[in-house]
């Protein structure tokens, strides 16, 4: 399980 942080959008996408 990986959490990708997008600084530009301030969003956190979690991919299993």
N, C-alpha and C. Protein backbone atom coordinates (compact mmCIF):
# COMPACT_ATOMS: atom_id res chain seq x y z
N UNK A 1 0.85 -1.20 0.00
CA UNK A 1 0.00 0.00 0.00
C UNK A 1 0.88 1.24 0.00
N UNK A 2 0.62 2.11 -0.95
CA UNK A 2 1.49 3.27 -1.14
C UNK A 2 0.69 4.57 -1.12
N UNK A 3 1.23 5.56 -0.43
CA UNK A 3 0.57 6.87 -0.37
C UNK A 3 1.39 7.89 -1.16
N UNK A 4 0.77 8.43 -2.19
CA UNK A 4 1.46 9.42 -3.02
C UNK A 4 0.96 10.83 -2.68
N UNK A 5 1.89 11.70 -2.35
CA UNK A 5 1.53 13.06 -1.99
C UNK A 5 1.79 14.01 -3.17
N UNK A 6 0.75 14.77 -3.52
CA UNK A 6 0.88 15.73 -4.60
C UNK A 6 0.90 17.15 -4.04
N UNK A 7 2.08 17.76 -4.00
CA UNK A 7 2.28 19.08 -3.41
C UNK A 7 1.50 20.16 -4.18
N UNK A 8 1.34 19.95 -5.48
CA UNK A 8 0.69 20.95 -6.33
C UNK A 8 -0.80 21.05 -6.03
N UNK A 9 -1.38 19.90 -5.70
CA UNK A 9 -2.82 19.86 -5.49
C UNK A 9 -3.17 19.66 -4.02
N UNK A 10 -2.13 19.43 -3.22
CA UNK A 10 -2.31 19.19 -1.79
C UNK A 10 -3.25 18.02 -1.56
N UNK A 11 -3.10 16.99 -2.37
CA UNK A 11 -3.94 15.81 -2.24
C UNK A 11 -3.10 14.58 -1.95
N UNK A 12 -3.70 13.62 -1.29
CA UNK A 12 -3.01 12.38 -1.01
C UNK A 12 -3.73 11.21 -1.67
N UNK A 13 -3.05 10.57 -2.60
CA UNK A 13 -3.65 9.45 -3.31
C UNK A 13 -3.12 8.14 -2.75
N UNK A 14 -4.03 7.28 -2.34
CA UNK A 14 -3.63 6.00 -1.77
C UNK A 14 -3.87 4.87 -2.77
N UNK A 15 -2.80 4.21 -3.17
CA UNK A 15 -2.91 3.10 -4.11
C UNK A 15 -2.53 1.80 -3.44
N UNK A 16 -3.38 0.81 -3.59
CA UNK A 16 -3.11 -0.47 -2.95
C UNK A 16 -2.32 -1.35 -3.92
